[in-house]
């Protein structure tokens, strides 16, 4: 289904009959090229899902400037993806993996050159997906939490309620959402972006995860910015631009 010129919308099967919404802008060339899949954060309660990346021009911008396929997936309970939301848990992770599998099958996509980019709660889920999807070319994780139980007690009340409602507070629930404990399964090169003054995801989370990945032999780079949970685009560009340029072999002029 065409959503807007250059962007198509798909509903794919999560693998259990549930629908997963995906927006996609394809590379212009005939030969298979790389791809990037965006996973959104909480979105301030608007529940727009992947539509946010189509509406604000992100998909077309990344696709045209890098000559890649740029896509975004809606987490369960967001956009048109079937719910309920499970706070970065197994259902969310399966939705992301279904989107990745869909991209790998597209004629425009070189399956060995796919990057997964998760922000905030999207980073939590994407890090867990990377532990189960080892052939990703790279992952970019922005403002994520990698040991959910460790930060729960000091999280804002609204975030605590969301975690308890969607995931529960069992040891198993936290483990299924804490990539720090699965770092040894991750093989993809990783770029971590984090704000030093983040009040939702303490910067120590990114530092600990970076060390765990490095100890596991994963190429990892951590960029810390003088900001809070939301990293301004002009801050992240300095780290993201050369990273994507190297991964996709393209000249990146803007994020």
Protein backbone atom coordinates (compact mmCIF):
# COMPACT_ATOMS: atom_id res chain seq x y z
CA UNK A 1 0.00 0.00 0.00
CA UNK A 2 1.38 3.41 -0.98
CA UNK A 3 1.34 5.78 2.01
CA UNK A 4 2.90 8.84 0.36
CA UNK A 5 5.08 9.30 -2.73
CA UNK A 6 8.15 7.14 -2.22
CA UNK A 7 6.88 5.44 0.97
CA UNK A 8 4.90 2.23 1.17
CA UNK A 9 3.03 0.76 4.14
CA UNK A 10 2.85 -2.97 4.78
CA UNK A 11 1.09 -5.18 7.30
CA UNK A 12 3.11 -8.35 7.82
CA UNK A 13 2.59 -11.41 10.00
CA UNK A 14 4.51 -11.50 13.27
CA UNK A 15 4.59 -15.28 13.01
CA UNK A 16 1.64 -15.88 15.32
CA UNK A 17 -1.11 -14.28 13.25
CA UNK A 18 -0.64 -10.81 14.75
CA UNK A 19 -0.16 -7.90 12.32
CA UNK A 20 3.01 -5.82 12.29
CA UNK A 21 3.01 -2.41 10.60
CA UNK A 22 6.02 -1.43 8.51
CA UNK A 23 6.74 1.72 6.50
CA UNK A 24 9.42 1.57 3.81
CA UNK A 25 11.25 3.82 1.34
CA UNK A 26 13.31 1.84 -1.16
CA UNK A 27 16.72 2.60 -2.59
CA UNK A 28 16.69 4.16 -6.05
CA UNK A 29 19.22 1.86 -7.72
CA UNK A 30 18.49 -1.46 -9.40
CA UNK A 31 21.21 -3.38 -7.55
CA UNK A 32 20.51 -4.58 -3.98
CA UNK A 33 21.70 -2.07 -1.40
CA UNK A 34 21.83 -1.76 2.36
CA UNK A 35 18.86 -1.14 4.64
CA UNK A 36 18.17 0.47 7.99
CA UNK A 37 15.23 -0.37 10.25
CA UNK A 38 14.11 2.20 12.82
CA UNK A 39 12.38 1.22 16.07
CA UNK A 40 10.61 4.08 17.81
CA UNK A 41 10.47 5.01 21.48
CA UNK A 42 7.46 5.81 23.66
CA UNK A 43 6.35 8.86 21.58
CA UNK A 44 4.80 10.71 24.51
CA UNK A 45 1.69 8.58 24.56
CA UNK A 46 0.71 9.40 20.95
CA UNK A 47 1.08 5.75 19.81
CA UNK A 48 1.97 6.81 16.24
CA UNK A 49 4.39 3.95 15.80
CA UNK A 50 6.40 3.80 12.58
CA UNK A 51 4.22 6.44 10.94
CA UNK A 52 6.30 9.05 12.79
CA UNK A 53 9.31 8.25 10.59
CA UNK A 54 7.24 8.55 7.41
CA UNK A 55 5.55 11.79 8.49
CA UNK A 56 8.73 13.60 9.52
CA UNK A 57 10.65 12.63 6.38
CA UNK A 58 13.20 10.39 8.05
CA UNK A 59 12.64 7.42 5.75
CA UNK A 60 12.90 9.42 2.53
CA UNK A 61 15.88 11.38 3.85
CA UNK A 62 17.90 8.33 4.82
CA UNK A 63 16.92 6.42 1.69
CA UNK A 64 17.85 9.18 -0.74
CA UNK A 65 21.04 10.36 0.95
CA UNK A 66 22.47 6.92 1.59
CA UNK A 67 20.86 5.15 -1.39
CA UNK A 68 19.50 2.45 0.90
CA UNK A 69 16.12 1.07 1.87
CA UNK A 70 14.93 2.89 4.99
CA UNK A 71 12.13 1.31 7.00
CA UNK A 72 10.41 1.67 10.36
CA UNK A 73 8.36 -0.81 12.36
CA UNK A 74 5.53 -0.19 14.83
CA UNK A 75 5.84 -1.99 18.15
CA UNK A 76 2.80 -3.98 19.37
CA UNK A 77 0.15 -1.58 20.63
CA UNK A 78 1.53 1.28 18.51
CA UNK A 79 0.31 2.38 15.09
CA UNK A 80 -1.51 -0.43 13.32
CA UNK A 81 0.52 -3.25 14.90
CA UNK A 82 -1.61 -5.64 16.91
CA UNK A 83 -1.20 -5.35 20.67
CA UNK A 84 -1.09 -5.48 23.51
CA UNK A 85 2.14 -3.67 24.24
CA UNK A 86 4.57 -5.74 26.32
CA UNK A 87 7.27 -3.16 27.11
CA UNK A 88 10.07 -4.35 24.85
CA UNK A 89 9.32 -7.99 25.60
CA UNK A 90 9.07 -11.13 23.44
CA UNK A 91 6.10 -9.91 21.37
CA UNK A 92 7.87 -6.65 20.56
CA UNK A 93 11.09 -8.49 19.75
CA UNK A 94 9.21 -10.89 17.43
CA UNK A 95 7.64 -7.92 15.65
CA UNK A 96 11.07 -6.41 15.00
CA UNK A 97 12.45 -9.74 13.81
CA UNK A 98 9.47 -10.16 11.47
CA UNK A 99 10.26 -6.73 10.00
CA UNK A 100 13.93 -7.67 9.58
CA UNK A 101 12.99 -10.94 7.87
CA UNK A 102 10.64 -9.03 5.55
CA UNK A 103 13.44 -6.64 4.59
CA UNK A 104 15.89 -9.48 3.97
CA UNK A 105 13.50 -10.89 1.37
CA UNK A 106 13.16 -7.63 -0.59
CA UNK A 107 14.92 -7.55 -3.98
CA UNK A 108 16.19 -4.02 -3.21
CA UNK A 109 17.96 -5.13 -0.03
CA UNK A 110 21.35 -6.78 0.37
CA UNK A 111 20.52 -9.01 3.37
CA UNK A 112 24.05 -8.86 4.79
CA UNK A 113 23.95 -5.04 5.03
CA UNK A 114 21.03 -4.35 7.37
CA UNK A 115 21.38 -1.94 10.30
CA UNK A 116 18.92 -1.91 13.23
CA UNK A 117 18.43 1.48 14.93
CA UNK A 118 16.44 1.61 18.17
CA UNK A 119 15.67 4.66 20.28
CA UNK A 120 14.75 4.65 23.99
CA UNK A 121 12.33 1.78 24.51
CA UNK A 122 13.11 0.83 20.93
CA UNK A 123 16.76 0.48 21.92
CA UNK A 124 15.84 -1.86 24.78
CA UNK A 125 14.01 -4.18 22.38
CA UNK A 126 16.54 -3.82 19.55
CA UNK A 127 19.42 -4.82 21.80
CA UNK A 128 17.54 -7.99 22.71
CA UNK A 129 16.81 -8.66 19.03
CA UNK A 130 20.51 -8.35 18.24
CA UNK A 131 21.14 -11.23 20.65
CA UNK A 132 18.77 -13.38 18.59
CA UNK A 133 19.55 -12.04 15.10
CA UNK A 134 23.36 -12.29 14.90
CA UNK A 135 23.79 -11.55 11.18
CA UNK A 136 22.85 -7.87 11.38
CA UNK A 137 25.52 -5.67 9.80
CA UNK A 138 25.35 -3.26 12.73
CA UNK A 139 23.10 -1.89 15.45
CA UNK A 140 22.64 1.68 16.68
CA UNK A 141 21.15 2.05 20.16
CA UNK A 142 20.17 5.48 21.46
CA UNK A 143 19.16 6.28 25.07
CA UNK A 144 18.53 2.68 26.00
CA UNK A 145 18.36 0.65 29.20
CA UNK A 146 20.23 -2.65 29.15
CA UNK A 147 19.55 -3.94 32.69
CA UNK A 148 15.91 -3.07 33.31
CA UNK A 149 15.67 -4.42 36.84
CA UNK A 150 18.69 -2.41 37.95
CA UNK A 151 17.09 0.91 36.99
CA UNK A 152 13.44 0.14 37.76
CA UNK A 153 13.48 1.27 41.38
CA UNK A 154 14.74 4.75 40.45
CA UNK A 155 12.61 5.17 37.33
CA UNK A 156 9.91 7.88 37.15
CA UNK A 157 6.54 6.67 38.51
CA UNK A 158 4.90 6.74 35.07
CA UNK A 159 7.62 4.53 33.63
CA UNK A 160 7.37 2.15 36.58
CA UNK A 161 3.62 1.81 36.01
CA UNK A 162 4.13 1.09 32.32
CA UNK A 163 6.70 -1.60 33.05
CA UNK A 164 4.55 -3.24 35.72
CA UNK A 165 1.39 -3.10 33.58
CA UNK A 166 2.93 -4.29 30.33
CA UNK A 167 5.66 -6.66 31.52
CA UNK A 168 5.19 -7.52 35.18
CA UNK A 169 7.94 -7.44 37.76
CA UNK A 170 9.21 -11.02 37.80
CA UNK A 171 12.89 -11.88 37.48
CA UNK A 172 12.08 -13.62 34.19
CA UNK A 173 10.30 -10.54 32.83
CA UNK A 174 13.29 -8.32 33.58
CA UNK A 175 15.75 -10.84 32.12
CA UNK A 176 13.83 -10.98 28.83
CA UNK A 177 14.25 -7.23 28.51
CA UNK A 178 17.85 -6.79 29.68
CA UNK A 179 20.44 -7.20 26.94
CA UNK A 180 23.33 -6.74 29.37
CA UNK A 181 22.74 -10.35 30.44
CA UNK A 182 22.79 -11.54 26.80
CA UNK A 183 25.77 -9.53 25.52
CA UNK A 184 27.78 -12.66 24.76
CA UNK A 185 25.19 -13.61 22.08
CA UNK A 186 25.55 -10.33 20.18
CA UNK A 187 27.91 -10.35 17.21
CA UNK A 188 26.97 -7.16 15.34
CA UNK A 189 29.09 -4.02 15.41
CA UNK A 190 27.42 -1.57 17.78
CA UNK A 191 27.15 2.20 18.13
CA UNK A 192 25.78 3.43 21.47
CA UNK A 193 24.46 7.00 21.76
CA UNK A 194 23.61 8.35 25.21
CA UNK A 195 22.99 11.57 27.11
CA UNK A 196 25.16 12.14 30.17
CA UNK A 197 22.23 13.66 32.08
CA UNK A 198 19.58 11.12 31.04
CA UNK A 199 17.06 10.81 33.91
CA UNK A 200 15.29 7.75 32.44
CA UNK A 201 18.22 5.69 31.27
CA UNK A 202 21.31 6.40 33.41
CA UNK A 203 24.49 6.79 31.40
CA UNK A 204 26.04 4.01 33.50
CA UNK A 205 23.73 1.62 31.61
CA UNK A 206 25.40 2.45 28.31
CA UNK A 207 28.85 2.31 29.88
CA UNK A 208 28.24 -1.13 31.39
CA UNK A 209 26.75 -2.47 28.16
CA UNK A 210 29.64 -1.10 26.12
CA UNK A 211 32.12 -2.88 28.38
CA UNK A 212 30.16 -6.14 28.23
CA UNK A 213 30.09 -6.04 24.43
CA UNK A 214 33.78 -5.22 24.25
CA UNK A 215 34.57 -8.08 26.63
CA UNK A 216 32.55 -10.36 24.32
CA UNK A 217 34.70 -9.31 21.36
CA UNK A 218 32.09 -7.11 19.68
CA UNK A 219 33.29 -3.91 17.96
CA UNK A 220 31.54 -1.18 19.95
CA UNK A 221 31.69 2.59 20.16
CA UNK A 222 30.05 4.70 22.86
CA UNK A 223 29.32 8.38 22.30
CA UNK A 224 28.13 10.40 25.32
CA UNK A 225 26.57 13.81 24.84
CA UNK A 226 25.91 16.70 27.23
CA UNK A 227 22.13 16.32 27.19
CA UNK A 228 19.26 14.39 28.73
CA UNK A 229 17.17 11.49 27.44
CA UNK A 230 16.38 13.09 24.11
CA UNK A 231 19.58 13.55 22.12
CA UNK A 232 19.39 16.53 19.75
CA UNK A 233 20.01 15.57 16.14
CA UNK A 234 22.91 18.00 15.82
CA UNK A 235 24.62 16.21 18.74
CA UNK A 236 24.28 12.68 17.41
CA UNK A 237 25.33 13.52 13.84
CA UNK A 238 29.04 13.66 14.66
CA UNK A 239 29.04 10.02 15.72
CA UNK A 240 26.32 8.70 13.43
CA UNK A 241 27.53 10.23 10.16
CA UNK A 242 30.94 8.52 9.91
CA UNK A 243 29.50 5.28 11.27
CA UNK A 244 26.83 5.02 8.57
CA UNK A 245 29.22 6.28 5.92
CA UNK A 246 31.54 3.38 6.63
CA UNK A 247 28.77 0.79 6.95
CA UNK A 248 26.96 1.74 3.75
CA UNK A 249 29.88 3.13 1.78
CA UNK A 250 28.03 6.37 1.11
CA UNK A 251 28.60 10.03 1.80
CA UNK A 252 26.30 11.07 4.64
CA UNK A 253 25.48 14.76 4.69
CA UNK A 254 22.80 14.87 7.36
CA UNK A 255 20.90 12.70 9.81
